[in-house]
C-alpha atoms as a PDB file:
ATOM      1  CA  MET A   1      22.655   4.623  11.235  1.00  0.00           C
ATOM      2  CA  LYS A   2      20.015   7.301  11.734  1.00  0.00           C
ATOM      3  CA  THR A   3      16.887   6.441   9.763  1.00  0.00           C
ATOM      4  CA  LEU A   4      13.682   8.297   8.995  1.00  0.00           C
ATOM      5  CA  VAL A   5      10.500   6.609   7.801  1.00  0.00           C
ATOM      6  CA  ILE A   6       7.966   8.875   6.110  1.00  0.00           C
ATOM      7  CA  TYR A   7       4.573   7.654   4.985  1.00  0.00           C
ATOM      8  CA  SER A   8       1.396   8.768   3.315  1.00  0.00           C
ATOM      9  CA  SER A   9      -1.627   6.603   4.046  1.00  0.00           C
ATOM     10  CA  LYS A  10      -5.329   7.040   3.412  1.00  0.00           C
ATOM     11  CA  THR A  11      -6.530   3.599   4.487  1.00  0.00           C
ATOM     12  CA  GLY A  12      -3.999   2.851   7.219  1.00  0.00           C
ATOM     13  CA  PHE A  13      -2.234  -0.002   5.423  1.00  0.00           C
ATOM     14  CA  VAL A  14       0.874   2.017   4.535  1.00  0.00           C
ATOM     15  CA  LYS A  15       0.906   3.487   8.048  1.00  0.00           C
ATOM     16  CA  LYS A  16       0.963  -0.031   9.484  1.00  0.00           C
ATOM     17  CA  TYR A  17       3.942  -0.984   7.298  1.00  0.00           C
ATOM     18  CA  ALA A  18       5.717   2.277   8.154  1.00  0.00           C
ATOM     19  CA  GLU A  19       5.273   1.625  11.872  1.00  0.00           C
ATOM     20  CA  TRP A  20       6.636  -1.916  11.532  1.00  0.00           C
ATOM     21  CA  ILE A  21       9.644  -0.705   9.525  1.00  0.00           C
ATOM     22  CA  ALA A  22      10.367   2.127  11.972  1.00  0.00           C
ATOM     23  CA  GLU A  23      10.130  -0.307  14.873  1.00  0.00           C
ATOM     24  CA  GLU A  24      12.506  -2.829  13.262  1.00  0.00           C
ATOM     25  CA  LEU A  25      15.044  -0.137  12.341  1.00  0.00           C
ATOM     26  CA  ARG A  26      14.577   1.942  15.493  1.00  0.00           C
ATOM     27  CA  ALA A  27      13.820   4.814  13.124  1.00  0.00           C
ATOM     28  CA  ASP A  28      11.975   8.070  13.513  1.00  0.00           C
ATOM     29  CA  LEU A  29       8.513   8.019  11.976  1.00  0.00           C
ATOM     30  CA  PHE A  30       6.563  10.910  10.439  1.00  0.00           C
ATOM     31  CA  PRO A  31       3.465  11.204   8.286  1.00  0.00           C
ATOM     32  CA  ALA A  32       4.485  12.903   5.019  1.00  0.00           C
ATOM     33  CA  ASP A  33       2.460  16.029   5.748  1.00  0.00           C
ATOM     34  CA  ARG A  34       4.431  16.573   8.979  1.00  0.00           C
ATOM     35  CA  ALA A  35       7.940  15.767   7.690  1.00  0.00           C
ATOM     36  CA  HIS A  36       9.716  18.991   6.806  1.00  0.00           C
ATOM     37  CA  LYS A  37      12.604  18.756   4.345  1.00  0.00           C
ATOM     38  CA  SER A  38      14.760  20.790   6.720  1.00  0.00           C
ATOM     39  CA  ILE A  39      15.210  17.680   8.893  1.00  0.00           C
ATOM     40  CA  PHE A  40      16.268  15.334   6.081  1.00  0.00           C
ATOM     41  CA  ARG A  41      19.968  16.218   6.285  1.00  0.00           C
ATOM     42  CA  SER A  42      20.202  14.807   9.792  1.00  0.00           C
ATOM     43  CA  TYR A  43      19.379  11.274   8.559  1.00  0.00           C
ATOM     44  CA  ASP A  44      21.608   8.700   6.903  1.00  0.00           C
ATOM     45  CA  THR A  45      18.680   6.802   5.406  1.00  0.00           C
ATOM     46  CA  ILE A  46      15.187   7.985   4.472  1.00  0.00           C
ATOM     47  CA  ILE A  47      12.447   5.503   3.604  1.00  0.00           C
ATOM     48  CA  TYR A  48       9.206   6.700   2.036  1.00  0.00           C
ATOM     49  CA  GLY A  49       6.036   4.674   1.748  1.00  0.00           C
ATOM     50  CA  GLY A  50       2.855   5.749   0.083  1.00  0.00           C
ATOM     51  CA  GLY A  51      -0.134   4.262  -1.594  1.00  0.00           C
ATOM     52  CA  PHE A  52      -2.303   5.435  -4.395  1.00  0.00           C
ATOM     53  CA  ASP A  53      -5.930   6.391  -4.542  1.00  0.00           C
ATOM     54  CA  LEU A  54      -7.740   4.468  -7.272  1.00  0.00           C
ATOM     55  CA  THR A  55     -10.261   7.292  -7.582  1.00  0.00           C
ATOM     56  CA  LYS A  56      -7.449   9.674  -8.572  1.00  0.00           C
ATOM     57  CA  LEU A  57      -6.257   7.509 -11.447  1.00  0.00           C
ATOM     58  CA  GLY A  58      -7.057   8.770 -14.909  1.00  0.00           C
ATOM     59  CA  PHE A  59      -9.930   7.387 -16.953  1.00  0.00           C
ATOM     60  CA  PHE A  60      -7.733   5.105 -19.070  1.00  0.00           C
ATOM     61  CA  ASP A  61      -5.994   3.735 -15.970  1.00  0.00           C
ATOM     62  CA  ARG A  62      -9.313   2.868 -14.316  1.00  0.00           C
ATOM     63  CA  LEU A  63     -10.981   1.531 -17.452  1.00  0.00           C
ATOM     64  CA  PRO A  64      -9.511  -2.027 -17.367  1.00  0.00           C
ATOM     65  CA  ILE A  65     -10.525  -2.414 -13.725  1.00  0.00           C
ATOM     66  CA  LYS A  66     -14.069  -1.230 -14.420  1.00  0.00           C
ATOM     67  CA  LEU A  67     -14.362  -3.507 -17.463  1.00  0.00           C
ATOM     68  CA  LEU A  68     -13.182  -6.510 -15.473  1.00  0.00           C
ATOM     69  CA  LYS A  69     -15.711  -5.789 -12.739  1.00  0.00           C
ATOM     70  CA  MET A  70     -18.505  -5.375 -15.314  1.00  0.00           C
ATOM     71  CA  LYS A  71     -17.570  -8.694 -16.940  1.00  0.00           C
ATOM     72  CA  ILE A  72     -17.599 -10.558 -13.631  1.00  0.00           C
ATOM     73  CA  MET A  73     -20.863  -8.913 -12.521  1.00  0.00           C
ATOM     74  CA  SER A  74     -22.499  -9.791 -15.852  1.00  0.00           C
ATOM     75  CA  LYS A  75     -21.489 -13.418 -15.427  1.00  0.00           C
ATOM     76  CA  LYS A  76     -22.850 -13.405 -11.875  1.00  0.00           C
ATOM     77  CA  LYS A  77     -26.181 -11.856 -12.948  1.00  0.00           C
ATOM     78  CA  LYS A  78     -26.585 -14.546 -15.627  1.00  0.00           C
ATOM     79  CA  GLY A  79     -26.263 -17.202 -12.928  1.00  0.00           C
ATOM     80  CA  ILE A  80     -22.955 -18.490 -14.274  1.00  0.00           C
ATOM     81  CA  PRO A  81     -20.838 -19.765 -11.377  1.00  0.00           C
ATOM     82  CA  LEU A  82     -17.800 -17.643 -10.588  1.00  0.00           C
ATOM     83  CA  ASP A  83     -14.447 -19.289 -10.047  1.00  0.00           C
ATOM     84  CA  GLY A  84     -12.358 -18.546  -6.956  1.00  0.00           C
ATOM     85  CA  ASP A  85     -10.342 -15.794  -8.639  1.00  0.00           C
ATOM     86  CA  GLU A  86     -13.452 -14.000  -9.870  1.00  0.00           C
ATOM     87  CA  THR A  87     -15.108 -14.220  -6.454  1.00  0.00           C
ATOM     88  CA  GLY A  88     -11.937 -12.918  -4.810  1.00  0.00           C
ATOM     89  CA  MET A  89     -11.610 -10.029  -7.268  1.00  0.00           C
ATOM     90  CA  LEU A  90     -15.219  -8.970  -6.720  1.00  0.00           C
ATOM     91  CA  ASN A  91     -14.780  -9.106  -2.959  1.00  0.00           C
ATOM     92  CA  VAL A  92     -11.642  -6.958  -3.091  1.00  0.00           C
ATOM     93  CA  MET A  93     -13.262  -4.455  -5.470  1.00  0.00           C
ATOM     94  CA  GLU A  94     -16.329  -4.089  -3.247  1.00  0.00           C
ATOM     95  CA  ASN A  95     -14.838  -4.404   0.254  1.00  0.00           C
ATOM     96  CA  PRO A  96     -11.505  -3.127   1.512  1.00  0.00           C
ATOM     97  CA  VAL A  97      -9.186  -5.979   2.436  1.00  0.00           C
ATOM     98  CA  ASP A  98      -6.153  -5.859   4.692  1.00  0.00           C
ATOM     99  CA  PHE A  99      -3.382  -7.893   3.056  1.00  0.00           C
ATOM    100  CA  THR A 100      -0.652  -6.458   5.269  1.00  0.00           C
ATOM    101  CA  LYS A 101       1.818  -8.963   6.673  1.00  0.00           C
ATOM    102  CA  LYS A 102       4.787  -8.014   8.790  1.00  0.00           C
ATOM    103  CA  GLU A 103       7.026 -10.525   7.021  1.00  0.00           C
ATOM    104  CA  ASN A 104       6.631  -8.417   3.847  1.00  0.00           C
ATOM    105  CA  ILE A 105       9.004  -5.795   5.283  1.00  0.00           C
ATOM    106  CA  LYS A 106      11.904  -8.234   5.788  1.00  0.00           C
ATOM    107  CA  GLU A 107      13.690  -7.559   2.484  1.00  0.00           C
ATOM    108  CA  LEU A 108      13.450  -3.783   2.883  1.00  0.00           C
ATOM    109  CA  VAL A 109      14.619  -3.883   6.503  1.00  0.00           C
ATOM    110  CA  ASP A 110      17.529  -6.191   5.624  1.00  0.00           C
ATOM    111  CA  HIS A 111      18.585  -3.847   2.827  1.00  0.00           C
ATOM    112  CA  ALA A 112      18.303  -0.747   5.028  1.00  0.00           C
ATOM    113  CA  LEU A 113      20.473  -2.396   7.679  1.00  0.00           C
ATOM    114  CA  LYS A 114      23.228  -2.983   5.077  1.00  0.00           C
ATOM    115  CA  VAL A 115      23.279   0.660   3.953  1.00  0.00           C
END
């Protein structure tokens, strides 16, 4: 099976997953901006990974996230103790967090190997 992994990554998280998947499948790896469609026909399987940029979401898509942050910040400013979930959400909203884990690719790799 000849496999191609293409990725688009702004923060590096998707790139990390793409590298792990390509390594496990012994696949070729290309960033999306360097993968020309002319090469696609030479592959049996093509896997694409990409993230999204929160800043490019529309107003109504971002609104619930902003409202949640405002609610948590208001509680914090009033001196009301935050629970673990609220603290975690604030931390993730204010500081990038790397949640990547190699074991998360297992299901995809297993499926690709069956194709």
